[in-house]
Each structure stands twice: as structure tokens, then as C-alpha cells.
Amino acid sequence: MDINGAVMLVTGASSGIGAATARAAAQAGARVVLIARREERIIRLAEELGQGVALAVPCDVTDRRQVEAAVRAAVDRFGRVDVLVNNAGQGLQATIDAIDPDDFRALLELNLIAPLVLTQAVLPRMREQAGGAIVNVSSGITWSTLPGSGAYAASKAALQKLSAIARAEVADAGITVSLMFPSITETEFVGTVRGSVEDARRMEASSGLRPQPPEGVADAILDLIRSGDEQADLVPEEFGGTLRS
């Protein structure tokens, strides 16, 4: 897909990978709908990108009614929806015997069910347009068996399977569904995990991985949109990915 002129919805757009993706898309000529709960942040980002380029839509993506209203707002402003980037997500750091079931349910709502609901909300419009692109942001942690990461890795592994099947189901409509696998990224993510933030920081520090800038992930996401490839990753080869040192 040609990003220039496309209308792109980005969730989790208030910081990190989401904000970087919105900036990169705008620079590539896209019109961007910024979706996040932190209203002040996305309003500032929309002002930075320009009124004719960006629309800030405060939205809790775990609330179906808010999601549907956000998609309507995008169509009302820009007339179409060409791309969805499901980036909003959260971590959970706890060993199996310490995972709080309520925390796990909340994690699944955000990391797995919300991307499904957003996909369902944009698919009718994309089908009418006979084309579209959806990128779901997973995590390179799904390729590891790190103690304490079971709940988070499980949510992202489930997203991977859901994405693969969605890709097969909507291909005939000219819609691509792709997966992005970042590695450790320089964002607020670790400080917002459920469970033990301290354990999450220790795991990250001992991983041997150098945190990558979110702009690199954003560029890879745009490349996926352009190519329609099934997946891309920024995980170093020695950890099972394709990124060469």
C-alpha cells in the first residue's frame, strides 16, 4: 500500500512506538488518527503534526463503544480508513504461581481482545474500499521462555495466531494483516507493567539486549504496510530473529 495519502489509525499513540509511528506516517504523507486514553498527549501530538494531518481521538480500546465511535470519527474527518496499527498494549511480570487472574484478564482485554474489536470495526470500511492494511504489534518475547513473562508472552502468542488466521480470511478482500515483532524498545513500557515492575526491569537489564529507539520500530511498521508481508522483526539473530548485529 502507498502510505502517501492513506488514512491510518494508530492505537497507543500517546507515547513510544505509537507516537513514533504516527510521526513517521505523517512524514510519509499519511493522515493519522491518534487513538489513546491520555487525551492531553495525543492533542499535543496532533497539534505538532498539523490539523489537516492528524486527528486526536481519546479512546479506551477495551471499550467497544468507544472503539466504534473512534472509527466513525476517523471516517467523518477523512472519509475512509486505509490502515490500522494495533499497538496499544501492556506487560505483566509475574511467575506462574503469582499471576493475578484479574491482571491476566485485563491484559488479555488490552493485548488480544482490543485488537480483535478494532479489526472488526475497520473491516467493513476496508471491504467497501476493496483494500486495507492491518498491523498488529506483537513482541519478540514470544520466541523466548523467560521466567516471569508467561502471561505477557501468552497474550502476544495468541495475537500471533489470531493475526495469521485473519490474514488468510481477509486476503481475498485485498486486505493484508501483518505482525510486527519489536525487541526491547526505549519506551515507558517496563514502568507500566502489571505485577512486579522491579522484576521486569531486572529481566530487561539481564537480557543482553540493547534497547532500540521506537523510531526504528515505526519505520519497520511502515515497511510492512508498504509490502504487505506477513511479518517483520527487530530481534537479533542470536535471540532467534533476523536482525544482524
Foldseek 3Di string as FASTA:
>chain_A
DQLAAAEEEFEPCLWFLNVLLLVVSLVSHHAYEYEEQPQVSQVVSDVVSDVLRYHYQYADLLDLVSLLVSVVVSCVNRVAHAEYELDDAAFAFDAPVPDDVVLLVVRLSRLPVSVVSNCVSRVVRQLVVLAHEYEYEAELCLLDDDGRRVSNSVSRVNNLVVQVVVQVVCVNSHYFYAYEYEYAAPICRLVGHHYDSVVSVVCVVPVPDDHHYSNVSSVVVVVCRVVSDHYAYCDDVVSPHDHDD
